[in-house]
Amino acid sequence: MRIHKKIRLFILLLLGACNAFAQNTSDNEYKKPLKQVLSEIEAKFKVSVKYSEDMVKDRWVPYADWRYKPTAAKTLAAVLAPLDMKVNEEKPGNFKLKYYEYSRLTPEEGKEKLAYLESFYTDKASWERRKADLRPCMFEALQLSPMPAKPKSKPIITNKRVMDGYTIENIAIETLPGVYVCGSLYKPLKFKRKIPVVLCPDGHFGDGRYRADGQYRYAMLAKMGAMAISYDLFAWGESLLQFDGKDHRRSLAMTIQALNSLRILDYLLSLKEADPTRVAITGASGGGSQTMLITALDDRIKLSVPVVMLSSYFSGGCPCESGMPVHLCGGGTNNDEFAAMAAPRPQLVISDGGDWSANVPDTDLPYLQKIYGYYGKPEMVANVHFPKEGHDYGKSKRLAMYDFVAKHFGLNIAAVKGADGKVDESKVTIEKYPAMYVFGDKGEKLPANAVHGLAELEKAFAAAKGK
């Protein structure tokens, strides 16, 4: 009896194995559970793959065993491709499972893309044709062709403060009916002639435009003789009085942020003290994306300083940077081409060793110098690289920007230097949040016509475009 039970158990196990083997054929696309496949890859290549259970639950991989490559990285890339997933290698042999990032290539793929793009142009004339193809498409991709009607309201300006060598005003500009972008406008305390304009779009940093490193930058530019304006990302800062924070990750955020920058530029250039021949833009991270995009779109920008964002293989992971299909223009483009559209206007690219801008000196800068060379001005594009620094707009990066803007716009950098001849930021007043609010501590001064929520924004946008 016991022998019969053992035989029956063996037969059942054999049948189960046969059934499992039979199921794993081309008739069923050789499917295997993703979790099992990852375990097998870990064992085969002696690596580790980190993931959460919800990422692998109920997911199957077709033709899993047929996708094996000589290395773990290539095998994982092949196995995960049908699932629109990928891995990042955080350190040798340690991978983290991620959902597919449409905005990110590998560094090697970025170089290949750059070489492909370069095949479209070999001189100034062919590059100008490429640029003429890209720009109108970018406006269309942003849904800004035609541009929505501009509100006729005047900016709301409140709470002027007088500081050491500069002034600050809170400002809100209505960029669509009922849609406001808020910022801080810094000006020199005294000036006798027209002064440069510097747009400072914010990036994805904590505290937004209220953070200290931003306030140093805006104030120092003003003390040197320029007017500088910082302004909120969409659905950040005071924009949260109108929209939910999650709306920032909707594709329309990219459109609204571009529109905000263009409307702010319209306003600043309407001021009698503004010098339209000296207009700059600089920002880091998401602000760096804005810097390259707005410079590519608008020739009124005469100088640009994108910070820790230029990369041949990363277009910005937030929908506010890549949510609209601008990078699909011209049969496919990237941020390097956007940056190149600044040529031959002065451009300083600031990069570091701790993010996707690490390859700028070896990959992106030579490309930009080539484009600037078509105009006979390769020296007008420069790079300051900080290999041991990370993703920020820290003091060393600010100092590089001060020098560049002062050099090209004739600012008085001596006004911000101490007795030792070094730039001194210590006389800048770092303010707390409430001082910079346009609409009050609790938003009680928000205009009555303000729209609320994404649905109302979409209606306002469509109406402004006459749809």
Protein backbone atom coordinates (compact mmCIF):
# COMPACT_ATOMS: atom_id res chain seq x y z
CA MET A 1 0.00 0.00 0.00
CA ARG A 2 2.79 2.38 0.89
CA ILE A 3 4.60 1.49 -2.34
CA HIS A 4 1.44 2.24 -4.31
CA LYS A 5 1.19 5.67 -2.61
CA LYS A 6 4.80 6.46 -3.48
CA ILE A 7 4.23 5.41 -7.08
CA ARG A 8 1.07 7.54 -7.27
CA LEU A 9 2.90 10.54 -5.78
CA PHE A 10 5.73 10.10 -8.27
CA ILE A 11 3.26 9.89 -11.15
CA LEU A 12 1.48 13.05 -9.97
CA LEU A 13 4.76 14.92 -9.69
CA LEU A 14 5.80 13.70 -13.10
CA LEU A 15 2.47 14.72 -14.63
CA GLY A 16 2.76 18.15 -12.98
CA ALA A 17 6.23 18.62 -14.36
CA CYS A 18 5.08 17.50 -17.79
CA ASN A 19 2.12 19.85 -17.65
CA ALA A 20 4.35 22.72 -16.60
CA PHE A 21 6.78 21.91 -19.38
CA ALA A 22 3.95 21.55 -21.86
CA GLN A 23 2.59 24.95 -20.89
CA ASN A 24 5.98 26.56 -21.39
CA THR A 25 6.02 26.31 -25.19
CA SER A 26 5.47 28.63 -28.13
CA ASP A 27 1.75 27.84 -27.85
CA ASN A 28 1.74 29.90 -24.68
CA GLU A 29 4.59 32.27 -25.64
CA TYR A 30 6.86 30.47 -23.16
CA LYS A 31 5.27 32.61 -20.45
CA LYS A 32 6.62 32.71 -16.92
CA PRO A 33 5.67 34.78 -13.87
CA LEU A 34 7.84 37.91 -13.66
CA LYS A 35 8.79 37.20 -10.05
CA GLN A 36 10.03 33.74 -11.01
CA VAL A 37 12.02 35.12 -13.94
CA LEU A 38 13.68 37.73 -11.76
CA SER A 39 14.64 35.06 -9.22
CA GLU A 40 16.14 32.92 -11.96
CA ILE A 41 18.14 35.87 -13.33
CA GLU A 42 19.39 36.69 -9.83
CA ALA A 43 20.56 33.09 -9.37
CA LYS A 44 22.12 32.76 -12.81
CA PHE A 45 24.09 36.03 -12.77
CA LYS A 46 24.54 36.26 -8.98
CA VAL A 47 22.98 39.72 -8.81
CA SER A 48 20.23 41.37 -6.78
CA VAL A 49 17.05 42.96 -8.13
CA LYS A 50 15.07 45.18 -5.76
CA TYR A 51 11.33 45.62 -6.29
CA SER A 52 8.03 45.93 -4.46
CA GLU A 53 5.52 43.09 -4.57
CA ASP A 54 2.89 45.19 -6.34
CA MET A 55 5.30 45.67 -9.26
CA VAL A 56 5.53 41.93 -9.97
CA LYS A 57 2.07 40.76 -8.89
CA ASP A 58 0.10 39.08 -11.70
CA ARG A 59 2.74 39.99 -14.30
CA TRP A 60 3.97 37.43 -16.80
CA VAL A 61 6.87 37.58 -19.25
CA PRO A 62 6.48 36.17 -22.77
CA TYR A 63 9.40 34.19 -24.19
CA ALA A 64 11.33 34.81 -20.98
CA ASP A 65 14.03 32.15 -21.42
CA TRP A 66 14.62 33.22 -25.01
CA ARG A 67 15.54 36.75 -23.91
CA TYR A 68 18.66 35.79 -21.97
CA LYS A 69 21.81 37.71 -22.95
CA PRO A 70 25.46 37.39 -21.87
CA THR A 71 25.09 39.89 -19.00
CA ALA A 72 22.52 40.54 -16.29
CA ALA A 73 21.95 44.13 -17.45
CA LYS A 74 21.24 43.16 -21.05
CA THR A 75 19.12 40.19 -19.98
CA LEU A 76 16.98 42.34 -17.67
CA ALA A 77 16.56 44.96 -20.40
CA ALA A 78 15.37 42.33 -22.87
CA VAL A 79 13.11 40.51 -20.41
CA LEU A 80 11.42 43.66 -19.12
CA ALA A 81 10.94 45.43 -22.46
CA PRO A 82 7.56 43.77 -23.28
CA LEU A 83 6.25 44.91 -19.87
CA ASP A 84 7.32 48.54 -20.31
CA MET A 85 9.61 48.13 -17.31
CA LYS A 86 13.35 48.54 -16.81
CA VAL A 87 16.03 48.45 -14.14
CA ASN A 88 18.55 51.00 -12.92
CA GLU A 89 21.90 49.62 -11.78
CA GLU A 90 22.43 51.45 -8.52
CA LYS A 91 25.83 49.85 -8.01
CA PRO A 92 27.60 46.86 -9.61
CA GLY A 93 25.35 43.81 -9.36
CA ASN A 94 22.51 45.67 -7.63
CA PHE A 95 19.49 46.62 -9.73
CA LYS A 96 16.22 48.38 -8.95
CA LEU A 97 13.10 47.59 -10.92
CA LYS A 98 11.31 50.62 -12.36
CA TYR A 99 8.48 51.32 -14.70
CA TYR A 100 9.52 52.34 -18.21
CA GLU A 101 10.76 55.94 -18.38
CA TYR A 102 9.97 57.38 -21.78
CA SER A 103 12.21 60.37 -21.07
CA ARG A 104 15.38 58.41 -20.27
CA LEU A 105 17.83 56.50 -22.45
CA THR A 106 21.13 54.95 -21.47
CA PRO A 107 24.23 57.15 -21.85
CA GLU A 108 25.31 54.98 -24.79
CA GLU A 109 21.92 55.41 -26.46
CA GLY A 110 22.17 59.15 -25.85
CA LYS A 111 25.46 59.31 -27.73
CA GLU A 112 23.96 57.31 -30.58
CA LYS A 113 20.98 59.68 -30.69
CA LEU A 114 23.29 62.68 -30.79
CA ALA A 115 25.29 61.20 -33.67
CA TYR A 116 22.04 60.54 -35.51
CA LEU A 117 20.83 64.12 -35.01
CA GLU A 118 24.16 65.50 -36.21
CA SER A 119 23.65 63.71 -39.51
CA PHE A 120 20.90 66.22 -40.35
CA TYR A 121 23.25 69.21 -40.55
CA THR A 122 26.82 69.99 -41.52
CA ASP A 123 26.86 73.78 -41.71
CA LYS A 124 24.96 76.90 -40.66
CA ALA A 125 22.44 76.70 -43.51
CA SER A 126 21.44 73.09 -42.83
CA TRP A 127 21.29 73.73 -39.09
CA GLU A 128 19.03 76.76 -39.63
CA ARG A 129 16.72 74.57 -41.69
CA ARG A 130 16.62 72.03 -38.88
CA LYS A 131 15.87 74.77 -36.35
CA ALA A 132 13.15 76.21 -38.61
CA ASP A 133 11.59 72.74 -38.66
CA LEU A 134 11.78 72.25 -34.90
CA ARG A 135 10.52 75.55 -33.48
CA PRO A 136 6.99 75.70 -34.99
CA CYS A 137 6.51 72.04 -34.18
CA MET A 138 7.49 72.71 -30.56
CA PHE A 139 4.86 75.46 -30.27
CA GLU A 140 2.26 73.11 -31.76
CA ALA A 141 3.29 70.27 -29.45
CA LEU A 142 2.84 72.63 -26.49
CA GLN A 143 -0.59 73.61 -27.85
CA LEU A 144 0.64 77.20 -28.03
CA SER A 145 0.10 77.63 -31.76
CA PRO A 146 -1.80 79.83 -31.95
CA MET A 147 -1.07 81.43 -28.59
CA PRO A 148 -4.06 81.77 -26.28
CA ALA A 149 -5.46 85.28 -25.87
CA LYS A 150 -3.64 87.34 -23.27
CA PRO A 151 -5.63 88.71 -20.31
CA LYS A 152 -5.74 92.51 -20.19
CA SER A 153 -5.36 92.72 -16.41
CA LYS A 154 -2.38 94.43 -14.82
CA PRO A 155 0.01 92.49 -12.58
CA ILE A 156 -0.75 92.43 -8.87
CA ILE A 157 2.26 93.85 -7.01
CA THR A 158 2.46 93.90 -3.22
CA ASN A 159 4.71 94.39 -0.21
CA LYS A 160 7.78 96.22 -1.52
CA ARG A 161 10.82 95.66 0.71
CA VAL A 162 14.05 97.68 0.63
CA MET A 163 17.17 95.65 1.31
CA ASP A 164 20.92 96.24 1.14
CA GLY A 165 21.37 97.35 -2.47
CA TYR A 166 18.14 95.89 -3.85
CA THR A 167 14.36 95.82 -3.52
CA ILE A 168 11.86 92.95 -3.58
CA GLU A 169 8.24 93.00 -4.67
CA ASN A 170 5.72 90.18 -4.70
CA ILE A 171 4.06 89.84 -8.07
CA ALA A 172 1.24 87.83 -9.64
CA ILE A 173 0.57 87.83 -13.38
CA GLU A 174 -2.66 86.55 -14.90
CA THR A 175 -1.46 84.33 -17.74
CA LEU A 176 -4.89 82.93 -18.64
CA PRO A 177 -8.27 84.22 -17.45
CA GLY A 178 -8.33 83.33 -13.75
CA VAL A 179 -4.91 81.61 -13.80
CA TYR A 180 -2.10 83.33 -11.91
CA VAL A 181 1.63 82.75 -11.67
CA CYS A 182 3.26 84.20 -8.57
CA GLY A 183 6.82 85.30 -8.09
CA SER A 184 9.32 87.63 -6.52
CA LEU A 185 10.73 90.56 -8.48
CA TYR A 186 14.17 91.78 -7.40
CA LYS A 187 15.55 95.12 -8.66
CA PRO A 188 18.64 97.21 -8.00
CA LEU A 189 18.01 99.81 -5.32
CA LYS A 190 19.40 102.50 -7.60
CA PHE A 191 19.78 102.61 -11.37
CA LYS A 192 20.08 105.41 -13.93
CA ARG A 193 19.78 103.57 -17.21
CA LYS A 194 18.05 100.56 -18.68
CA ILE A 195 18.87 97.36 -16.85
CA PRO A 196 19.11 93.68 -17.84
CA VAL A 197 16.29 91.22 -17.21
CA VAL A 198 16.92 87.73 -15.79
CA LEU A 199 14.15 85.11 -15.68
CA CYS A 200 14.67 82.52 -12.93
CA PRO A 201 12.20 79.64 -13.40
CA ASP A 202 12.06 77.39 -10.37
CA GLY A 203 13.04 73.73 -10.32
CA HIS A 204 11.97 70.64 -8.41
CA PHE A 205 13.56 71.54 -5.10
CA GLY A 206 12.01 71.68 -1.66
CA ASP A 207 10.64 75.08 -0.64
CA GLY A 208 10.30 76.17 -4.27
CA ARG A 209 11.11 79.81 -4.93
CA TYR A 210 11.26 80.47 -1.18
CA ARG A 211 14.44 78.47 -0.63
CA ALA A 212 17.59 80.24 0.52
CA ASP A 213 19.88 79.33 -2.39
CA GLY A 214 17.36 80.89 -4.76
CA GLN A 215 17.07 84.08 -2.74
CA TYR A 216 20.85 84.49 -2.76
CA ARG A 217 20.86 84.20 -6.54
CA TYR A 218 18.04 86.66 -7.24
CA ALA A 219 19.33 89.25 -4.78
CA MET A 220 22.92 89.09 -5.99
CA LEU A 221 21.84 89.65 -9.59
CA ALA A 222 19.88 92.70 -8.45
CA LYS A 223 22.83 94.02 -6.43
CA MET A 224 24.94 93.66 -9.59
CA GLY A 225 22.49 95.78 -11.56
CA ALA A 226 19.86 93.49 -13.10
CA MET A 227 16.20 92.83 -12.37
CA ALA A 228 15.63 89.17 -11.58
CA ILE A 229 12.31 87.41 -11.24
CA SER A 230 11.73 84.03 -9.65
CA TYR A 231 8.40 82.31 -10.14
CA ASP A 232 6.53 79.20 -9.07
CA LEU A 233 6.25 75.97 -10.96
CA PHE A 234 2.67 75.12 -11.87
CA ALA A 235 0.87 73.56 -8.86
CA TRP A 236 3.74 74.51 -6.54
CA GLY A 237 4.04 77.46 -4.18
CA GLU A 238 1.08 79.82 -4.35
CA SER A 239 -0.19 77.99 -7.42
CA LEU A 240 -1.42 75.41 -4.89
CA LEU A 241 -4.13 77.91 -3.93
CA GLN A 242 -5.71 77.10 -7.29
CA PHE A 243 -4.56 73.60 -8.14
CA ASP A 244 -3.83 70.29 -6.46
CA GLY A 245 -0.21 69.24 -6.13
CA LYS A 246 -0.86 66.15 -8.25
CA ASP A 247 -1.83 68.42 -11.16
CA HIS A 248 1.85 69.28 -11.48
CA ARG A 249 2.36 65.84 -12.99
CA ARG A 250 -0.19 66.35 -15.75
CA SER A 251 1.03 67.08 -19.27
CA LEU A 252 -0.71 70.45 -19.34
CA ALA A 253 1.74 71.60 -16.66
CA MET A 254 4.43 71.80 -19.34
CA THR A 255 2.25 74.07 -21.45
CA ILE A 256 1.25 76.34 -18.57
CA GLN A 257 4.83 76.70 -17.37
CA ALA A 258 6.04 77.67 -20.84
CA LEU A 259 3.14 80.10 -21.17
CA ASN A 260 3.95 81.57 -17.75
CA SER A 261 7.55 82.23 -18.77
CA LEU A 262 6.53 83.90 -22.02
CA ARG A 263 3.89 86.06 -20.31
CA ILE A 264 6.36 87.09 -17.60
CA LEU A 265 8.85 88.04 -20.30
CA ASP A 266 6.15 90.09 -22.06
CA TYR A 267 5.50 92.02 -18.86
CA LEU A 268 9.12 92.66 -17.89
CA LEU A 269 10.00 93.93 -21.36
CA SER A 270 7.08 96.35 -21.14
CA LEU A 271 8.79 98.12 -18.23
CA LYS A 272 10.55 101.34 -19.17
CA GLU A 273 13.68 100.36 -17.25
CA ALA A 274 14.05 96.98 -19.00
CA ASP A 275 16.82 96.56 -21.57
CA PRO A 276 15.52 94.24 -24.34
CA THR A 277 19.07 93.70 -25.61
CA ARG A 278 20.10 92.09 -22.32
CA VAL A 279 17.62 89.38 -21.38
CA ALA A 280 18.76 86.17 -19.67
CA ILE A 281 17.22 83.04 -18.23
CA THR A 282 18.69 80.57 -15.74
CA GLY A 283 17.34 77.72 -13.65
CA ALA A 284 18.34 74.34 -12.29
CA SER A 285 16.77 70.90 -12.65
CA GLY A 286 13.21 71.52 -13.90
CA GLY A 287 14.19 75.17 -14.10
CA GLY A 288 17.06 74.09 -16.32
CA SER A 289 14.59 72.35 -18.61
CA GLN A 290 12.58 75.58 -18.75
CA THR A 291 15.76 77.52 -19.47
CA MET A 292 16.59 75.45 -22.54
CA LEU A 293 13.00 75.27 -23.78
CA ILE A 294 12.21 78.99 -23.52
CA THR A 295 15.55 79.97 -25.06
CA ALA A 296 14.83 77.65 -27.97
CA LEU A 297 11.35 79.11 -28.43
CA ASP A 298 12.03 82.83 -28.01
CA ASP A 299 14.82 84.89 -29.56
CA ARG A 300 14.17 87.67 -27.05
CA ILE A 301 16.30 85.59 -24.68
CA LYS A 302 19.85 86.78 -25.31
CA LEU A 303 21.75 84.64 -22.79
CA SER A 304 21.02 81.34 -21.06
CA VAL A 305 22.48 79.36 -18.16
CA PRO A 306 20.89 75.89 -17.85
CA VAL A 307 22.06 74.22 -14.64
CA VAL A 308 22.39 70.47 -13.88
CA MET A 309 19.94 69.48 -16.61
CA LEU A 310 21.61 69.21 -20.02
CA SER A 311 21.91 65.59 -21.11
CA SER A 312 21.84 63.70 -24.39
CA TYR A 313 20.01 60.81 -22.75
CA PHE A 314 17.54 62.38 -20.30
CA SER A 315 14.78 64.80 -21.21
CA GLY A 316 13.39 65.38 -17.71
CA GLY A 317 11.29 62.81 -15.92
CA CYS A 318 8.45 65.11 -14.84
CA PRO A 319 5.52 65.68 -17.22
CA CYS A 320 6.12 69.40 -16.72
CA GLU A 321 9.38 68.84 -18.64
CA SER A 322 8.43 66.18 -21.18
CA GLY A 323 4.68 65.61 -20.87
CA MET A 324 3.91 67.30 -24.17
CA PRO A 325 5.51 65.74 -27.28
CA VAL A 326 8.07 68.48 -27.97
CA HIS A 327 10.87 65.90 -27.99
CA LEU A 328 9.14 64.08 -30.87
CA CYS A 329 9.45 67.08 -33.18
CA GLY A 330 11.63 66.82 -36.26
CA GLY A 331 11.41 63.04 -36.24
CA GLY A 332 12.73 63.00 -32.68
CA THR A 333 14.94 65.49 -30.87
CA ASN A 334 16.46 65.98 -27.41
CA ASN A 335 17.58 68.65 -24.96
CA ASP A 336 20.93 68.99 -26.68
CA GLU A 337 19.21 70.26 -29.80
CA PHE A 338 17.07 72.58 -27.68
CA ALA A 339 20.24 73.97 -26.11
CA ALA A 340 21.86 74.26 -29.53
CA MET A 341 18.95 76.42 -30.72
CA ALA A 342 20.42 79.16 -28.49
CA ALA A 343 23.39 79.54 -30.86
CA PRO A 344 25.09 81.92 -31.30
CA ARG A 345 23.69 83.60 -28.15
CA PRO A 346 25.94 83.26 -25.06
CA GLN A 347 25.26 80.08 -23.12
CA LEU A 348 26.87 78.65 -19.99
CA VAL A 349 26.08 75.02 -19.22
CA ILE A 350 26.68 74.13 -15.58
CA SER A 351 27.00 70.42 -14.84
CA ASP A 352 28.06 68.03 -12.09
CA GLY A 353 29.24 64.49 -11.55
CA GLY A 354 26.28 63.34 -9.49
CA ASP A 355 23.46 63.26 -12.05
CA TRP A 356 22.69 62.87 -15.76
CA SER A 357 24.75 65.98 -16.60
CA ALA A 358 27.97 64.11 -15.70
CA ASN A 359 28.86 63.55 -19.38
CA VAL A 360 28.48 67.19 -20.48
CA PRO A 361 32.25 67.91 -20.85
CA ASP A 362 32.85 64.85 -23.02
CA THR A 363 29.59 64.52 -24.95
CA ASP A 364 27.26 67.52 -24.87
CA LEU A 365 29.74 70.40 -24.88
CA PRO A 366 31.61 69.25 -28.03
CA TYR A 367 28.26 68.94 -29.79
CA LEU A 368 27.23 72.48 -28.79
CA GLN A 369 30.63 73.89 -29.76
CA LYS A 370 30.18 72.35 -33.18
CA ILE A 371 26.82 74.09 -33.67
CA TYR A 372 28.19 77.39 -32.35
CA GLY A 373 31.12 76.87 -34.73
CA TYR A 374 28.71 77.05 -37.66
CA TYR A 375 28.31 80.73 -36.69
CA GLY A 376 32.03 81.20 -36.17
CA LYS A 377 31.49 81.61 -32.42
CA PRO A 378 32.38 78.36 -30.60
CA GLU A 379 33.65 80.44 -27.66
CA MET A 380 30.13 81.74 -26.94
CA VAL A 381 29.16 78.42 -25.35
CA ALA A 382 30.97 77.33 -22.22
CA ASN A 383 30.76 74.67 -19.55
CA VAL A 384 31.65 74.77 -15.87
CA HIS A 385 31.72 71.22 -14.50
CA PHE A 386 31.79 70.17 -10.86
CA PRO A 387 32.65 66.45 -10.89
CA LYS A 388 32.35 66.03 -7.12
CA GLU A 389 29.09 67.94 -6.69
CA GLY A 390 25.47 66.92 -7.05
CA HIS A 391 22.10 68.08 -8.31
CA ASP A 392 21.62 71.62 -7.01
CA TYR A 393 22.17 75.32 -7.69
CA GLY A 394 24.73 75.64 -4.90
CA LYS A 395 27.17 78.46 -4.25
CA SER A 396 29.92 77.26 -6.60
CA LYS A 397 27.40 77.07 -9.42
CA ARG A 398 25.98 80.49 -8.57
CA LEU A 399 29.45 82.05 -8.61
CA ALA A 400 30.04 80.66 -12.10
CA MET A 401 26.73 82.13 -13.26
CA TYR A 402 27.46 85.55 -11.72
CA ASP A 403 30.76 85.77 -13.62
CA PHE A 404 29.21 84.73 -16.93
CA VAL A 405 26.25 87.11 -16.78
CA ALA A 406 28.42 89.98 -15.55
CA LYS A 407 30.88 89.42 -18.38
CA HIS A 408 28.30 89.39 -21.18
CA PHE A 409 25.84 91.94 -19.79
CA GLY A 410 28.32 94.35 -18.26
CA LEU A 411 27.02 93.97 -14.70
CA ASN A 412 28.89 95.49 -11.77
CA ILE A 413 30.25 92.37 -10.12
CA ALA A 414 32.61 94.53 -8.06
CA ALA A 415 29.53 95.70 -6.15
CA VAL A 416 29.16 92.24 -4.60
CA LYS A 417 32.79 91.56 -3.81
CA GLY A 418 34.34 91.91 -0.38
CA ALA A 419 37.70 93.36 0.60
CA ASP A 420 39.33 90.03 -0.30
CA GLY A 421 38.13 90.34 -3.90
CA LYS A 422 35.73 87.41 -3.58
CA VAL A 423 31.98 87.49 -4.20
CA ASP A 424 30.22 87.92 -0.86
CA GLU A 425 26.61 86.76 -0.46
CA SER A 426 26.45 87.46 3.27
CA LYS A 427 24.58 90.76 2.91
CA VAL A 428 21.58 89.09 1.29
CA THR A 429 18.49 88.91 3.52
CA ILE A 430 16.92 85.44 3.55
CA GLU A 431 13.19 85.89 4.06
CA LYS A 432 10.60 83.51 5.47
CA TYR A 433 7.66 82.28 3.38
CA PRO A 434 4.96 84.81 4.40
CA ALA A 435 7.00 87.81 3.30
CA MET A 436 6.94 86.48 -0.28
CA TYR A 437 3.23 85.63 -0.49
CA VAL A 438 1.22 87.66 -3.00
CA PHE A 439 -2.19 86.46 -1.86
CA GLY A 440 -1.80 86.48 1.93
CA ASP A 441 -0.91 83.89 4.54
CA LYS A 442 -3.99 81.78 3.76
CA GLY A 443 -4.72 82.86 0.20
CA GLU A 444 -7.38 85.29 1.37
CA LYS A 445 -6.33 87.83 -1.29
CA LEU A 446 -6.72 85.46 -4.23
CA PRO A 447 -8.74 87.28 -6.92
CA ALA A 448 -12.44 86.44 -7.17
CA ASN A 449 -12.09 85.25 -10.78
CA ALA A 450 -9.45 82.63 -9.92
CA VAL A 451 -10.15 79.22 -11.41
CA HIS A 452 -9.82 76.12 -9.24
CA GLY A 453 -8.84 72.65 -10.35
CA LEU A 454 -7.62 71.09 -13.56
CA ALA A 455 -11.06 70.88 -15.17
CA GLU A 456 -11.59 74.64 -14.87
CA LEU A 457 -8.07 75.27 -16.14
CA GLU A 458 -8.71 73.14 -19.23
CA LYS A 459 -11.90 75.13 -19.92
CA ALA A 460 -10.09 78.44 -19.46
CA PHE A 461 -7.28 77.32 -21.76
CA ALA A 462 -9.67 76.15 -24.48
CA ALA A 463 -11.68 79.39 -24.25
CA ALA A 464 -8.54 81.51 -24.51
CA LYS A 465 -7.64 79.64 -27.72
CA GLY A 466 -11.13 80.22 -29.10
CA LYS A 467 -12.16 76.59 -29.01
